[in-house]
Amino acid sequence: MMHDEAVIHIRSGNGGDGCVSFRREKYVPEGGPDGGDGGRGGDVVLVARTNLNTLSAFIRRRHWKAEHGVQGGSRNCSGPNGADLILEVPRGTLVFDAESNALIADLTVPDQPFVLAAGGDGGKGNTRFKSATNQTPRKATPGKQGVSLQVRLELKLMADVALIGFPNAGKSTLLSRISRARPKIGAYPFTTLEPQPGVIERNDRSLVVADIPGLLEGAAEGVGLGHRFLRHIERCQLLVHLVDGSEGDVDTLLGRIHILNDELRRFSPLLAGKEQVIVLNKADVRAELAEIAGELRLRLGLEVHTCSAVSGTGLRELENLLLERVPAVDELAT
């Protein structure tokens, strides 16, 4: 099961207290203060990793604490700092304050650390307070408290292309043919119960494609799997709307397309405005599918292609289209 939401409680480390100490050595008259500073508390740090795709680690464990700093010692010895707590999360994780629901961070850059909660500073030892008028200070300061915070983690997959469509449209089969992904495939609805990523590789280019569980009319009211997984396609640059073209006339297929697009619109205007390519699947069982695609192209004003995920017909052309429509990283930077 894919865990894409988790609520956790984190706490950074407290700073260690400063030390009150005086030199008490033979032959060292009036040794003076030598209390060291306390160590700093450990930070709670989040790091996004590309090799992770679930928040399951935070389902099994809800409370996370960094180490406290250690109290300072005599002979001007500072206490050791508390160790930072490094939490690895999937790339694309959003971090919200669980109480206010305010967005704290959007972790999209691989391996870049984000300090979620800074540790408390260590206290000052009495050496810090020595002066000409106070040569025997008996004062030290306590370490500062760490930060306690309850946060909600929400994962949005970092995919370039999303496969959307009704159940049994053939999305899982298509993903298995254009990438090395091996999703569960079956001749019954909802074989895909969670988003499945795959990668198209061609020469020096690669695209991440996500198979989104099938939607039904009324998903906004919880029909089928509802809208639970639609947030995973909000980052995608291109939607591939896969339609079962094995039966139904042009009006029937057009109606199915409009129904699904209405569900996207109800979930988010952002999704409704994304670039979309219509792909009629199952060309191996319907010879006139190319003619139907031409009619839909005229009536929708969108790119409409035909393919067969089973026989492989049209898949090479579809891959070329996706690589053409989704710009490379260096092209986005210019």
Protein backbone atom coordinates (compact mmCIF):
# COMPACT_ATOMS: atom_id res chain seq x y z
CA MET A 1 0.00 0.00 0.00
CA MET A 2 1.25 3.46 -0.89
CA HIS A 3 1.26 5.85 2.06
CA ASP A 4 1.15 9.41 0.73
CA GLU A 5 0.08 11.25 3.90
CA ALA A 6 1.38 11.20 7.47
CA VAL A 7 1.12 13.36 10.58
CA ILE A 8 4.18 13.34 12.82
CA HIS A 9 5.43 15.16 15.91
CA ILE A 10 9.01 16.36 15.79
CA ARG A 11 11.23 17.97 18.41
CA SER A 12 14.68 19.45 18.06
CA GLY A 13 17.23 19.05 20.85
CA ASN A 14 17.58 21.32 23.86
CA GLY A 15 20.81 23.23 24.32
CA GLY A 16 23.06 22.09 27.16
CA ASP A 17 23.40 24.31 30.25
CA GLY A 18 26.47 26.40 30.86
CA CYS A 19 28.79 25.34 33.67
CA VAL A 20 29.83 27.21 36.84
CA SER A 21 33.32 26.06 37.74
CA PHE A 22 36.58 27.45 39.19
CA ARG A 23 40.14 26.23 38.85
CA ARG A 24 41.18 24.34 41.99
CA GLU A 25 44.75 23.34 41.20
CA LYS A 26 47.81 23.29 43.41
CA TYR A 27 50.25 26.13 42.78
CA VAL A 28 47.59 28.06 40.79
CA PRO A 29 46.44 30.79 43.16
CA GLU A 30 43.33 32.68 42.19
CA GLY A 31 42.71 30.32 39.28
CA GLY A 32 39.49 32.01 38.31
CA PRO A 33 36.39 30.73 36.51
CA ASP A 34 36.69 27.91 33.97
CA GLY A 35 33.10 26.81 33.30
CA GLY A 36 32.47 25.90 29.67
CA ASP A 37 29.47 26.48 27.42
CA GLY A 38 26.75 23.93 26.85
CA GLY A 39 26.47 22.10 23.55
CA ARG A 40 23.90 23.06 20.95
CA GLY A 41 20.81 20.88 20.52
CA GLY A 42 20.45 18.84 17.35
CA ASP A 43 18.35 20.06 14.41
CA VAL A 44 15.54 18.12 12.75
CA VAL A 45 16.46 18.09 9.05
CA LEU A 46 14.42 16.83 6.09
CA VAL A 47 16.17 15.58 2.94
CA ALA A 48 14.31 14.67 -0.26
CA ARG A 49 15.46 11.41 -1.90
CA THR A 50 14.67 10.25 -5.42
CA ASN A 51 14.86 6.56 -4.44
CA LEU A 52 11.85 6.85 -2.10
CA ASN A 53 8.22 6.92 -3.20
CA THR A 54 6.22 6.43 0.01
CA LEU A 55 5.84 7.92 3.50
CA SER A 56 5.39 4.53 5.14
CA ALA A 57 8.29 5.11 7.56
CA PHE A 58 6.25 7.88 9.18
CA ILE A 59 3.16 5.73 9.50
CA ARG A 60 4.99 3.19 11.66
CA ARG A 61 6.57 5.87 13.83
CA ARG A 62 4.95 9.20 14.70
CA HIS A 63 7.35 10.82 17.21
CA TRP A 64 10.86 11.95 16.21
CA LYS A 65 13.42 13.70 18.43
CA ALA A 66 16.90 15.06 17.86
CA GLU A 67 19.56 14.72 20.59
CA HIS A 68 19.99 17.27 23.35
CA GLY A 69 23.22 19.21 23.79
CA VAL A 70 25.39 18.27 26.78
CA GLN A 71 26.15 20.56 29.72
CA GLY A 72 29.48 22.37 29.66
CA GLY A 73 32.33 21.19 31.87
CA SER A 74 35.21 22.54 33.89
CA ARG A 75 38.54 23.62 32.37
CA ASN A 76 36.60 25.61 29.79
CA CYS A 77 35.36 22.45 28.13
CA SER A 78 32.27 22.97 26.01
CA GLY A 79 29.62 20.28 26.06
CA PRO A 80 29.21 18.19 22.88
CA ASN A 81 26.50 19.25 20.46
CA GLY A 82 23.47 17.02 20.09
CA ALA A 83 23.35 14.99 16.88
CA ASP A 84 21.02 16.23 14.15
CA LEU A 85 18.07 14.04 13.23
CA ILE A 86 18.01 13.45 9.46
CA LEU A 87 14.62 12.41 8.10
CA GLU A 88 14.61 11.15 4.50
CA VAL A 89 11.39 11.74 2.56
CA PRO A 90 10.41 11.16 -1.07
CA ARG A 91 11.11 13.94 -3.52
CA GLY A 92 7.91 15.93 -3.97
CA THR A 93 6.91 15.91 -0.29
CA LEU A 94 4.98 18.91 1.01
CA VAL A 95 5.32 19.86 4.68
CA PHE A 96 2.40 21.60 6.42
CA ASP A 97 1.88 22.87 9.94
CA ALA A 98 -0.71 20.40 11.24
CA GLU A 99 -2.58 23.06 13.25
CA SER A 100 -2.67 26.04 10.89
CA ASN A 101 -2.33 24.03 7.65
CA ALA A 102 0.26 26.58 6.50
CA LEU A 103 2.78 25.30 3.97
CA ILE A 104 6.26 25.10 5.50
CA ALA A 105 8.27 23.53 2.68
CA ASP A 106 7.95 21.93 -0.76
CA LEU A 107 10.83 19.47 -1.10
CA THR A 108 11.43 19.11 -4.83
CA VAL A 109 15.23 19.44 -5.03
CA PRO A 110 17.00 16.07 -4.59
CA ASP A 111 19.35 15.76 -1.59
CA GLN A 112 18.96 19.39 -0.51
CA PRO A 113 18.61 19.57 3.30
CA PHE A 114 15.84 21.61 4.90
CA VAL A 115 16.03 22.47 8.61
CA LEU A 116 12.51 21.89 9.86
CA ALA A 117 13.29 22.62 13.52
CA ALA A 118 16.51 24.21 14.75
CA GLY A 119 18.09 22.96 17.94
CA GLY A 120 18.37 25.20 20.99
CA ASP A 121 21.59 27.14 21.60
CA GLY A 122 23.83 26.02 24.41
CA GLY A 123 24.03 28.09 27.61
CA LYS A 124 27.08 30.17 28.52
CA GLY A 125 29.54 29.04 31.16
CA ASN A 126 30.72 31.36 33.93
CA THR A 127 33.98 32.05 32.08
CA ARG A 128 31.91 34.20 29.74
CA PHE A 129 30.97 36.53 32.59
CA LYS A 130 34.46 37.24 33.91
CA SER A 131 35.37 40.92 34.00
CA ALA A 132 37.66 43.31 35.81
CA THR A 133 34.94 44.02 38.33
CA ASN A 134 33.68 40.47 38.63
CA GLN A 135 36.56 38.04 38.68
CA THR A 136 34.64 35.20 40.34
CA PRO A 137 31.32 35.08 38.51
CA ARG A 138 28.96 32.44 39.77
CA LYS A 139 26.60 32.87 36.91
CA ALA A 140 25.86 30.59 33.97
CA THR A 141 22.91 30.50 31.60
CA PRO A 142 20.70 27.51 30.81
CA GLY A 143 20.49 26.09 27.33
CA LYS A 144 17.58 27.13 25.16
CA GLN A 145 14.72 24.75 24.57
CA GLY A 146 14.31 22.98 21.26
CA VAL A 147 11.33 23.40 18.95
CA SER A 148 8.31 21.12 19.23
CA LEU A 149 6.09 20.92 16.16
CA GLN A 150 3.37 18.73 14.70
CA VAL A 151 3.52 18.56 10.91
CA ARG A 152 1.58 16.91 8.12
CA LEU A 153 3.54 15.35 5.28
CA GLU A 154 1.84 15.05 1.90
CA LEU A 155 3.44 13.38 -1.11
CA LYS A 156 2.91 14.52 -4.69
CA LEU A 157 4.77 12.38 -7.19
CA MET A 158 7.33 14.13 -9.38
CA ALA A 159 6.20 12.71 -12.73
CA ASP A 160 6.51 14.32 -16.17
CA VAL A 161 3.49 12.55 -17.68
CA ALA A 162 0.34 11.17 -16.05
CA LEU A 163 -1.85 8.41 -17.49
CA ILE A 164 -5.49 9.08 -16.66
CA GLY A 165 -8.68 7.35 -17.70
CA PHE A 166 -11.57 5.17 -16.62
CA PRO A 167 -10.92 1.73 -15.09
CA ASN A 168 -10.02 -0.95 -17.66
CA ALA A 169 -8.88 1.60 -20.25
CA GLY A 170 -5.53 -0.19 -20.38
CA LYS A 171 -3.31 2.26 -18.49
CA SER A 172 -1.34 -0.40 -16.61
CA THR A 173 -0.75 -2.41 -19.78
CA LEU A 174 0.40 0.73 -21.59
CA LEU A 175 2.80 1.65 -18.79
CA SER A 176 4.29 -1.85 -18.83
CA ARG A 177 4.92 -1.59 -22.60
CA ILE A 178 6.55 1.86 -22.71
CA SER A 179 8.63 1.48 -19.53
CA ARG A 180 10.20 -1.14 -17.31
CA ALA A 181 7.45 -0.80 -14.71
CA ARG A 182 5.55 -3.97 -13.87
CA PRO A 183 2.18 -2.88 -12.50
CA LYS A 184 -0.54 -5.36 -11.68
CA ILE A 185 -2.66 -6.06 -14.78
CA GLY A 186 -6.06 -7.74 -14.76
CA ALA A 187 -9.30 -7.94 -16.76
CA TYR A 188 -11.31 -6.26 -14.00
CA PRO A 189 -11.69 -2.70 -12.69
CA PHE A 190 -9.29 -1.11 -10.21
CA THR A 191 -6.32 -3.43 -10.60
CA THR A 192 -4.30 -0.25 -9.94
CA LEU A 193 -4.99 0.90 -6.37
CA GLU A 194 -2.14 3.39 -6.08
CA PRO A 195 -0.06 5.52 -8.48
CA GLN A 196 2.55 3.47 -10.34
CA PRO A 197 5.62 5.26 -11.76
CA GLY A 198 7.61 4.13 -14.78
CA VAL A 199 10.42 5.61 -16.88
CA ILE A 200 10.64 6.00 -20.66
CA GLU A 201 14.29 5.99 -21.73
CA ARG A 202 15.41 7.06 -25.18
CA ASN A 203 19.05 7.90 -25.93
CA ASP A 204 19.96 10.65 -23.45
CA ARG A 205 16.36 11.47 -22.52
CA SER A 206 14.13 10.01 -19.85
CA LEU A 207 10.54 10.71 -18.80
CA VAL A 208 8.81 9.67 -15.61
CA VAL A 209 5.28 8.43 -16.35
CA ALA A 210 2.72 7.81 -13.59
CA ASP A 211 -0.27 5.48 -13.93
CA ILE A 212 -3.09 7.02 -11.87
CA PRO A 213 -5.86 4.73 -10.52
CA GLY A 214 -9.00 4.88 -12.65
CA LEU A 215 -11.66 7.53 -12.09
CA LEU A 216 -15.41 7.11 -12.32
CA GLU A 217 -18.18 9.62 -12.81
CA GLY A 218 -19.02 10.97 -9.37
CA ALA A 219 -15.49 10.59 -8.02
CA ALA A 220 -15.94 13.96 -6.31
CA GLU A 221 -18.61 12.32 -4.15
CA GLY A 222 -16.36 9.35 -3.38
CA VAL A 223 -17.49 6.97 -6.12
CA GLY A 224 -14.79 4.37 -6.84
CA LEU A 225 -11.49 5.54 -5.40
CA GLY A 226 -12.62 9.16 -5.42
CA HIS A 227 -10.10 11.97 -5.88
CA ARG A 228 -7.56 10.62 -3.44
CA PHE A 229 -4.73 10.24 -5.95
CA LEU A 230 -5.35 13.19 -8.25
CA ARG A 231 -2.91 15.45 -6.40
CA HIS A 232 -0.13 13.22 -7.74
CA ILE A 233 -0.67 14.61 -11.23
CA GLU A 234 -0.69 18.31 -10.29
CA ARG A 235 3.06 18.52 -10.96
CA CYS A 236 2.87 16.71 -14.32
CA GLN A 237 3.55 18.67 -17.49
CA LEU A 238 1.35 16.54 -19.72
CA LEU A 239 -1.77 14.38 -19.28
CA VAL A 240 -2.30 11.30 -21.45
CA HIS A 241 -6.03 10.66 -21.40
CA LEU A 242 -6.41 6.99 -22.30
CA VAL A 243 -9.81 5.96 -23.65
CA ASP A 244 -11.08 2.44 -24.31
CA GLY A 245 -11.85 2.67 -28.02
CA SER A 246 -13.10 -0.91 -28.43
CA GLU A 247 -16.79 -0.01 -28.38
CA GLY A 248 -19.12 2.95 -28.75
CA ASP A 249 -19.56 5.56 -31.47
CA VAL A 250 -17.92 8.98 -31.63
CA ASP A 251 -20.56 10.59 -29.40
CA THR A 252 -20.17 7.86 -26.77
CA LEU A 253 -16.39 8.23 -26.65
CA LEU A 254 -16.70 12.01 -26.60
CA GLY A 255 -19.07 11.77 -23.64
CA ARG A 256 -16.58 9.63 -21.71
CA ILE A 257 -13.84 12.17 -22.34
CA HIS A 258 -16.02 15.05 -21.11
CA ILE A 259 -17.05 13.14 -17.98
CA LEU A 260 -13.47 12.54 -16.93
CA ASN A 261 -12.42 16.10 -17.71
CA ASP A 262 -15.32 17.39 -15.60
CA GLU A 263 -14.01 15.36 -12.66
CA LEU A 264 -10.57 16.90 -13.13
CA ARG A 265 -12.12 20.37 -13.23
CA ARG A 266 -14.06 19.74 -10.04
CA PHE A 267 -10.91 18.67 -8.27
CA SER A 268 -8.65 21.51 -9.42
CA PRO A 269 -8.73 24.22 -12.11
CA LEU A 270 -4.99 23.61 -12.40
CA LEU A 271 -5.58 20.08 -13.68
CA ALA A 272 -8.30 21.20 -16.07
CA GLY A 273 -5.87 23.61 -17.71
CA LYS A 274 -3.02 21.16 -18.22
CA GLU A 275 -1.98 20.13 -21.71
CA GLN A 276 -3.69 16.91 -22.67
CA VAL A 277 -3.32 14.26 -25.36
CA ILE A 278 -6.20 11.88 -26.08
CA VAL A 279 -5.16 8.30 -26.86
CA LEU A 280 -7.68 5.76 -28.09
CA ASN A 281 -6.54 2.32 -26.96
CA LYS A 282 -7.35 -1.16 -28.29
CA ALA A 283 -6.78 -0.47 -31.98
CA ASP A 284 -6.08 -4.21 -32.35
CA VAL A 285 -9.78 -5.02 -31.89
CA ARG A 286 -11.31 -2.13 -33.85
CA ALA A 287 -10.18 -1.40 -37.41
CA GLU A 288 -12.08 1.89 -37.78
CA LEU A 289 -10.50 3.48 -34.70
CA ALA A 290 -8.28 5.75 -36.83
CA GLU A 291 -11.36 7.27 -38.50
CA ILE A 292 -12.98 7.84 -35.08
CA ALA A 293 -9.79 9.52 -33.88
CA GLY A 294 -9.94 11.91 -36.83
CA GLU A 295 -13.52 12.89 -35.97
CA LEU A 296 -12.67 13.42 -32.30
CA ARG A 297 -9.67 15.52 -33.29
CA LEU A 298 -11.97 17.89 -35.17
CA ARG A 299 -14.58 18.10 -32.43
CA LEU A 300 -12.19 18.45 -29.49
CA GLY A 301 -9.41 20.51 -31.04
CA LEU A 302 -6.91 18.25 -29.26
CA GLU A 303 -4.22 15.79 -30.33
CA VAL A 304 -5.86 12.36 -30.69
CA HIS A 305 -3.83 9.20 -31.30
CA THR A 306 -4.61 5.53 -31.56
CA CYS A 307 -2.63 2.61 -30.20
CA SER A 308 -2.81 -0.91 -28.94
CA ALA A 309 -1.12 -1.47 -25.61
CA VAL A 310 -1.42 -5.24 -26.20
CA SER A 311 0.01 -5.53 -29.73
CA GLY A 312 2.29 -2.48 -29.53
CA THR A 313 0.73 -0.69 -32.50
CA GLY A 314 1.32 3.08 -32.28
CA LEU A 315 3.40 2.93 -29.09
CA ARG A 316 6.61 4.12 -30.73
CA GLU A 317 4.77 7.12 -32.16
CA LEU A 318 3.24 7.82 -28.75
CA GLU A 319 6.66 7.75 -27.07
CA ASN A 320 7.99 10.17 -29.68
CA LEU A 321 5.07 12.49 -29.03
CA LEU A 322 5.65 12.49 -25.28
CA LEU A 323 9.37 13.19 -25.68
CA GLU A 324 8.51 16.02 -28.07
CA ARG A 325 5.83 17.60 -25.87
CA VAL A 326 7.71 17.42 -22.56
CA PRO A 327 10.80 19.64 -22.71
CA ALA A 328 14.13 18.42 -21.43
CA VAL A 329 15.55 19.90 -18.21
CA ASP A 330 18.11 22.01 -20.10
CA GLU A 331 15.35 23.37 -22.33
CA LEU A 332 13.33 24.46 -19.28
CA ALA A 333 16.35 26.33 -17.92
CA THR A 334 16.76 28.48 -21.05
